């Protein structure tokens, strides 16, 4: 396969990037898993920040306008 690619590149003077469907699927799945873990961590951080903010000096006071 490599020889065929080199022959085509010599004759046509272009660069050809070969890719594999299986590698593409694996990369997409890996990216989605990473985003999944980051989303869980972000949600936990947001919940912790809201909980910490509710214990502030004026966390439970009602402001009447």
PDB file of N, CA and C in Angstrom:
ATOM      1  N   UNK A   1       0.829  -1.192   0.000  1.00  0.00           N
ATOM      2  CA  UNK A   1       0.000   0.000   0.000  1.00  0.00           C
ATOM      3  C   UNK A   1       0.872   1.253   0.000  1.00  0.00           C
ATOM      4  N   UNK A   2       1.959   1.234   0.739  1.00  0.00           N
ATOM      5  CA  UNK A   2       2.853   2.385   0.796  1.00  0.00           C
ATOM      6  C   UNK A   2       3.493   2.648  -0.560  1.00  0.00           C
ATOM      7  N   UNK A   3       3.838   1.568  -1.278  1.00  0.00           N
ATOM      8  CA  UNK A   3       4.460   1.718  -2.591  1.00  0.00           C
ATOM      9  C   UNK A   3       3.494   2.375  -3.570  1.00  0.00           C
ATOM     10  N   UNK A   4       2.233   1.985  -3.504  1.00  0.00           N
ATOM     11  CA  UNK A   4       1.230   2.579  -4.380  1.00  0.00           C
ATOM     12  C   UNK A   4       1.052   4.059  -4.106  1.00  0.00           C
ATOM     13  N   UNK A   5       1.080   4.424  -2.849  1.00  0.00           N
ATOM     14  CA  UNK A   5       0.936   5.834  -2.475  1.00  0.00           C
ATOM     15  C   UNK A   5       2.119   6.642  -2.987  1.00  0.00           C
ATOM     16  N   UNK A   6       3.325   6.106  -2.819  1.00  0.00           N
ATOM     17  CA  UNK A   6       4.519   6.811  -3.287  1.00  0.00           C
ATOM     18  C   UNK A   6       4.505   6.974  -4.800  1.00  0.00           C
ATOM     19  N   UNK A   7       4.046   5.951  -5.514  1.00  0.00           N
ATOM     20  CA  UNK A   7       3.966   6.022  -6.973  1.00  0.00           C
ATOM     21  C   UNK A   7       2.986   7.108  -7.413  1.00  0.00           C
ATOM     22  N   UNK A   8       1.844   7.179  -6.752  1.00  0.00           N
ATOM     23  CA  UNK A   8       0.845   8.201  -7.089  1.00  0.00           C
ATOM     24  C   UNK A   8       1.387   9.589  -6.784  1.00  0.00           C
ATOM     25  N   UNK A   9       2.053   9.750  -5.650  1.00  0.00           N
ATOM     26  CA  UNK A   9       2.602  11.057  -5.281  1.00  0.00           C
ATOM     27  C   UNK A   9       3.670  11.517  -6.266  1.00  0.00           C
ATOM     28  N   UNK A  10       4.479  10.572  -6.798  1.00  0.00           N
ATOM     29  CA  UNK A  10       5.501  10.936  -7.782  1.00  0.00           C
ATOM     30  C   UNK A  10       4.869  11.399  -9.089  1.00  0.00           C
ATOM     31  N   UNK A  11       3.881  10.658  -9.553  1.00  0.00           N
ATOM     32  CA  UNK A  11       3.286  10.945 -10.857  1.00  0.00           C
ATOM     33  C   UNK A  11       2.411  12.191 -10.851  1.00  0.00           C
ATOM     34  N   UNK A  12       1.674  12.415  -9.795  1.00  0.00           N
ATOM     35  CA  UNK A  12       0.701  13.501  -9.780  1.00  0.00           C
ATOM     36  C   UNK A  12       1.222  14.719  -9.017  1.00  0.00           C
ATOM     37  N   UNK A  13       2.258  14.544  -8.222  1.00  0.00           N
ATOM     38  CA  UNK A  13       2.839  15.602  -7.398  1.00  0.00           C
ATOM     39  C   UNK A  13       1.829  16.172  -6.401  1.00  0.00           C
ATOM     40  N   UNK A  14       1.198  15.303  -5.664  1.00  0.00           N
ATOM     41  CA  UNK A  14       0.275  15.701  -4.601  1.00  0.00           C
ATOM     42  C   UNK A  14       0.597  14.900  -3.352  1.00  0.00           C
ATOM     43  N   UNK A  15       0.143  15.394  -2.233  1.00  0.00           N
ATOM     44  CA  UNK A  15       0.262  14.652  -0.980  1.00  0.00           C
ATOM     45  C   UNK A  15      -1.049  13.935  -0.719  1.00  0.00           C
ATOM     46  N   UNK A  16      -0.941  12.676  -0.360  1.00  0.00           N
ATOM     47  CA  UNK A  16      -2.131  11.886  -0.055  1.00  0.00           C
ATOM     48  C   UNK A  16      -2.038  11.450   1.398  1.00  0.00           C
ATOM     49  N   UNK A  17      -3.062  11.747   2.158  1.00  0.00           N
ATOM     50  CA  UNK A  17      -3.128  11.324   3.554  1.00  0.00           C
ATOM     51  C   UNK A  17      -4.068  10.135   3.658  1.00  0.00           C
ATOM     52  N   UNK A  18      -3.539   9.009   4.039  1.00  0.00           N
ATOM     53  CA  UNK A  18      -4.358   7.812   4.210  1.00  0.00           C
ATOM     54  C   UNK A  18      -4.935   7.826   5.609  1.00  0.00           C
ATOM     55  N   UNK A  19      -6.147   7.397   5.750  1.00  0.00           N
ATOM     56  CA  UNK A  19      -6.767   7.323   7.059  1.00  0.00           C
ATOM     57  C   UNK A  19      -7.554   6.030   7.142  1.00  0.00           C
ATOM     58  N   UNK A  20      -7.728   5.592   8.350  1.00  0.00           N
ATOM     59  CA  UNK A  20      -8.432   4.344   8.604  1.00  0.00           C
ATOM     60  C   UNK A  20      -9.759   4.649   9.289  1.00  0.00           C
ATOM     61  N   UNK A  21     -10.793   4.000   8.827  1.00  0.00           N
ATOM     62  CA  UNK A  21     -12.107   4.187   9.443  1.00  0.00           C
ATOM     63  C   UNK A  21     -12.074   3.765  10.905  1.00  0.00           C
ATOM     64  N   UNK A  22     -11.404   2.663  11.201  1.00  0.00           N
ATOM     65  CA  UNK A  22     -11.320   2.154  12.575  1.00  0.00           C
ATOM     66  C   UNK A  22     -10.591   3.156  13.470  1.00  0.00           C
ATOM     67  N   UNK A  23      -9.501   3.734  12.988  1.00  0.00           N
ATOM     68  CA  UNK A  23      -8.780   4.739  13.779  1.00  0.00           C
ATOM     69  C   UNK A  23      -9.649   5.970  14.016  1.00  0.00           C
ATOM     70  N   UNK A  24     -10.401   6.375  12.998  1.00  0.00           N
ATOM     71  CA  UNK A  24     -11.293   7.523  13.132  1.00  0.00           C
ATOM     72  C   UNK A  24     -12.341   7.271  14.207  1.00  0.00           C
ATOM     73  N   UNK A  25     -12.952   6.092  14.180  1.00  0.00           N
ATOM     74  CA  UNK A  25     -13.970   5.740  15.173  1.00  0.00           C
ATOM     75  C   UNK A  25     -13.360   5.719  16.568  1.00  0.00           C
ATOM     76  N   UNK A  26     -12.177   5.146  16.699  1.00  0.00           N
ATOM     77  CA  UNK A  26     -11.511   5.093  18.006  1.00  0.00           C
ATOM     78  C   UNK A  26     -11.193   6.492  18.532  1.00  0.00           C
ATOM     79  N   UNK A  27     -10.750   7.387  17.661  1.00  0.00           N
ATOM     80  CA  UNK A  27     -10.448   8.759  18.080  1.00  0.00           C
ATOM     81  C   UNK A  27     -11.706   9.505  18.510  1.00  0.00           C
ATOM     82  N   UNK A  28     -12.805   9.305  17.784  1.00  0.00           N
ATOM     83  CA  UNK A  28     -14.062   9.967  18.148  1.00  0.00           C
ATOM     84  C   UNK A  28     -14.558   9.454  19.491  1.00  0.00           C
ATOM     85  N   UNK A  29     -14.514   8.151  19.700  1.00  0.00           N
ATOM     86  CA  UNK A  29     -14.960   7.574  20.971  1.00  0.00           C
ATOM     87  C   UNK A  29     -14.083   8.072  22.117  1.00  0.00           C
ATOM     88  N   UNK A  30     -12.786   8.136  21.891  1.00  0.00           N
ATOM     89  CA  UNK A  30     -11.872   8.635  22.922  1.00  0.00           C
ATOM     90  C   UNK A  30     -12.182  10.090  23.270  1.00  0.00           C
ATOM     91  N   UNK A  31     -12.447  10.900  22.268  1.00  0.00           N
ATOM     92  CA  UNK A  31     -12.794  12.298  22.514  1.00  0.00           C
ATOM     93  C   UNK A  31     -14.092  12.447  23.273  1.00  0.00           C
ATOM     94  N   UNK A  32     -15.082  11.632  22.932  1.00  0.00           N
ATOM     95  CA  UNK A  32     -16.365  11.697  23.632  1.00  0.00           C
ATOM     96  C   UNK A  32     -16.230  11.259  25.086  1.00  0.00           C
ATOM     97  N   UNK A  33     -15.414  10.241  25.342  1.00  0.00           N
ATOM     98  CA  UNK A  33     -15.190   9.806  26.725  1.00  0.00           C
ATOM     99  C   UNK A  33     -14.515  10.915  27.531  1.00  0.00           C
ATOM    100  N   UNK A  34     -13.537  11.576  26.927  1.00  0.00           N
ATOM    101  CA  UNK A  34     -12.847  12.671  27.608  1.00  0.00           C
ATOM    102  C   UNK A  34     -13.819  13.793  27.942  1.00  0.00           C
ATOM    103  N   UNK A  35     -14.673  14.156  26.994  1.00  0.00           N
ATOM    104  CA  UNK A  35     -15.655  15.220  27.242  1.00  0.00           C
ATOM    105  C   UNK A  35     -16.650  14.794  28.317  1.00  0.00           C
ATOM    106  N   UNK A  36     -16.990  13.517  28.337  1.00  0.00           N
ATOM    107  CA  UNK A  36     -17.919  13.009  29.346  1.00  0.00           C
ATOM    108  C   UNK A  36     -17.338  13.198  30.743  1.00  0.00           C
ATOM    109  N   UNK A  37     -16.071  12.827  30.912  1.00  0.00           N
ATOM    110  CA  UNK A  37     -15.437  12.972  32.224  1.00  0.00           C
ATOM    111  C   UNK A  37     -15.281  14.445  32.600  1.00  0.00           C
ATOM    112  N   UNK A  38     -14.957  15.288  31.638  1.00  0.00           N
ATOM    113  CA  UNK A  38     -14.830  16.716  31.928  1.00  0.00           C
ATOM    114  C   UNK A  38     -16.176  17.330  32.286  1.00  0.00           C
ATOM    115  N   UNK A  39     -17.244  16.864  31.661  1.00  0.00           N
ATOM    116  CA  UNK A  39     -18.575  17.368  31.975  1.00  0.00           C
ATOM    117  C   UNK A  39     -18.973  16.986  33.399  1.00  0.00           C
ATOM    118  N   UNK A  40     -18.679  15.765  33.809  1.00  0.00           N
ATOM    119  CA  UNK A  40     -18.985  15.328  35.177  1.00  0.00           C
ATOM    120  C   UNK A  40     -18.192  16.171  36.184  1.00  0.00           C
ATOM    121  N   UNK A  41     -16.907  16.388  35.910  1.00  0.00           N
ATOM    122  CA  UNK A  41     -16.080  17.190  36.816  1.00  0.00           C
ATOM    123  C   UNK A  41     -16.582  18.635  36.876  1.00  0.00           C
ATOM    124  N   UNK A  42     -16.992  19.188  35.745  1.00  0.00           N
ATOM    125  CA  UNK A  42     -17.502  20.564  35.723  1.00  0.00           C
ATOM    126  C   UNK A  42     -18.805  20.683  36.499  1.00  0.00           C
ATOM    127  N   UNK A  43     -19.682  19.699  36.363  1.00  0.00           N
ATOM    128  CA  UNK A  43     -20.951  19.725  37.097  1.00  0.00           C
ATOM    129  C   UNK A  43     -20.698  19.626  38.601  1.00  0.00           C
ATOM    130  N   UNK A  44     -19.766  18.766  39.008  1.00  0.00           N
ATOM    131  CA  UNK A  44     -19.442  18.636  40.429  1.00  0.00           C
ATOM    132  C   UNK A  44     -18.858  19.939  40.974  1.00  0.00           C
ATOM    133  N   UNK A  45     -17.994  20.577  40.210  1.00  0.00           N
ATOM    134  CA  UNK A  45     -17.405  21.848  40.634  1.00  0.00           C
ATOM    135  C   UNK A  45     -18.473  22.933  40.751  1.00  0.00           C
ATOM    136  N   UNK A  46     -19.395  22.975  39.812  1.00  0.00           N
ATOM    137  CA  UNK A  46     -20.476  23.958  39.859  1.00  0.00           C
ATOM    138  C   UNK A  46     -21.370  23.731  41.076  1.00  0.00           C
ATOM    139  N   UNK A  47     -21.698  22.479  41.365  1.00  0.00           N
ATOM    140  CA  UNK A  47     -22.534  22.178  42.533  1.00  0.00           C
ATOM    141  C   UNK A  47     -21.814  22.563  43.823  1.00  0.00           C
ATOM    142  N   UNK A  48     -20.520  22.281  43.909  1.00  0.00           N
ATOM    143  CA  UNK A  48     -19.752  22.643  45.096  1.00  0.00           C
ATOM    144  C   UNK A  48     -19.687  24.161  45.257  1.00  0.00           C
ATOM    145  N   UNK A  49     -19.494  24.888  44.165  1.00  0.00           N
ATOM    146  CA  UNK A  49     -19.428  26.348  44.232  1.00  0.00           C
ATOM    147  C   UNK A  49     -20.762  26.933  44.683  1.00  0.00           C
ATOM    148  N   UNK A  50     -21.868  26.392  44.179  1.00  0.00           N
ATOM    149  CA  UNK A  50     -23.190  26.879  44.600  1.00  0.00           C
ATOM    150  C   UNK A  50     -23.441  26.565  46.072  1.00  0.00           C
ATOM    151  N   UNK A  51     -23.032  25.392  46.512  1.00  0.00           N
ATOM    152  CA  UNK A  51     -23.197  25.022  47.913  1.00  0.00           C
ATOM    153  C   UNK A  51     -22.364  25.938  48.805  1.00  0.00           C
ATOM    154  N   UNK A  52     -21.130  26.196  48.420  1.00  0.00           N
ATOM    155  CA  UNK A  52     -20.265  27.077  49.210  1.00  0.00           C
ATOM    156  C   UNK A  52     -20.810  28.499  49.230  1.00  0.00           C
ATOM    157  N   UNK A  53     -21.365  28.966  48.128  1.00  0.00           N
ATOM    158  CA  UNK A  53     -21.912  30.320  48.073  1.00  0.00           C
ATOM    159  C   UNK A  53     -23.161  30.448  48.931  1.00  0.00           C
ATOM    160  N   UNK A  54     -23.889  29.359  49.124  1.00  0.00           N
ATOM    161  CA  UNK A  54     -25.111  29.438  49.927  1.00  0.00           C
ATOM    162  C   UNK A  54     -24.807  29.610  51.414  1.00  0.00           C
ATOM    163  N   UNK A  55     -23.582  29.322  51.830  1.00  0.00           N
ATOM    164  CA  UNK A  55     -23.200  29.501  53.229  1.00  0.00           C
ATOM    165  C   UNK A  55     -22.517  30.842  53.473  1.00  0.00           C
ATOM    166  N   UNK A  56     -22.572  31.732  52.516  1.00  0.00           N
ATOM    167  CA  UNK A  56     -21.951  33.048  52.660  1.00  0.00           C
ATOM    168  C   UNK A  56     -22.676  33.886  53.702  1.00  0.00           C
ATOM    169  N   UNK A  57     -22.187  35.100  53.918  1.00  0.00           N
ATOM    170  CA  UNK A  57     -22.739  35.991  54.944  1.00  0.00           C
ATOM    171  C   UNK A  57     -24.208  36.292  54.697  1.00  0.00           C
ATOM    172  N   UNK A  58     -24.600  36.493  53.477  1.00  0.00           N
ATOM    173  CA  UNK A  58     -25.985  36.817  53.154  1.00  0.00           C
ATOM    174  C   UNK A  58     -26.647  35.696  52.350  1.00  0.00           C
ATOM    175  N   UNK A  59     -26.215  34.485  52.545  1.00  0.00           N
ATOM    176  CA  UNK A  59     -26.694  33.371  51.730  1.00  0.00           C
ATOM    177  C   UNK A  59     -28.167  33.071  51.880  1.00  0.00           C
ATOM    178  N   UNK A  60     -28.727  33.241  53.087  1.00  0.00           N
ATOM    179  CA  UNK A  60     -30.127  32.877  53.307  1.00  0.00           C
ATOM    180  C   UNK A  60     -31.018  34.087  53.558  1.00  0.00           C
ATOM    181  N   UNK A  61     -30.498  35.265  53.439  1.00  0.00           N
ATOM    182  CA  UNK A  61     -31.309  36.452  53.687  1.00  0.00           C
ATOM    183  C   UNK A  61     -32.112  36.805  52.445  1.00  0.00           C
ATOM    184  N   UNK A  62     -33.323  37.237  52.681  1.00  0.00           N
ATOM    185  CA  UNK A  62     -34.197  37.650  51.591  1.00  0.00           C
ATOM    186  C   UNK A  62     -34.069  39.151  51.430  1.00  0.00           C
ATOM    187  N   UNK A  63     -33.884  39.589  50.210  1.00  0.00           N
ATOM    188  CA  UNK A  63     -33.774  41.019  49.939  1.00  0.00           C
ATOM    189  C   UNK A  63     -35.128  41.510  49.458  1.00  0.00           C
ATOM    190  N   UNK A  64     -35.706  42.462  50.177  1.00  0.00           N
ATOM    191  CA  UNK A  64     -36.981  43.055  49.773  1.00  0.00           C
ATOM    192  C   UNK A  64     -36.705  44.330  48.999  1.00  0.00           C
ATOM    193  N   UNK A  65     -37.298  44.431  47.858  1.00  0.00           N
ATOM    194  CA  UNK A  65     -37.105  45.623  47.030  1.00  0.00           C
ATOM    195  C   UNK A  65     -38.205  46.599  47.243  1.00  0.00           C
TER     196      UNK A  65
END
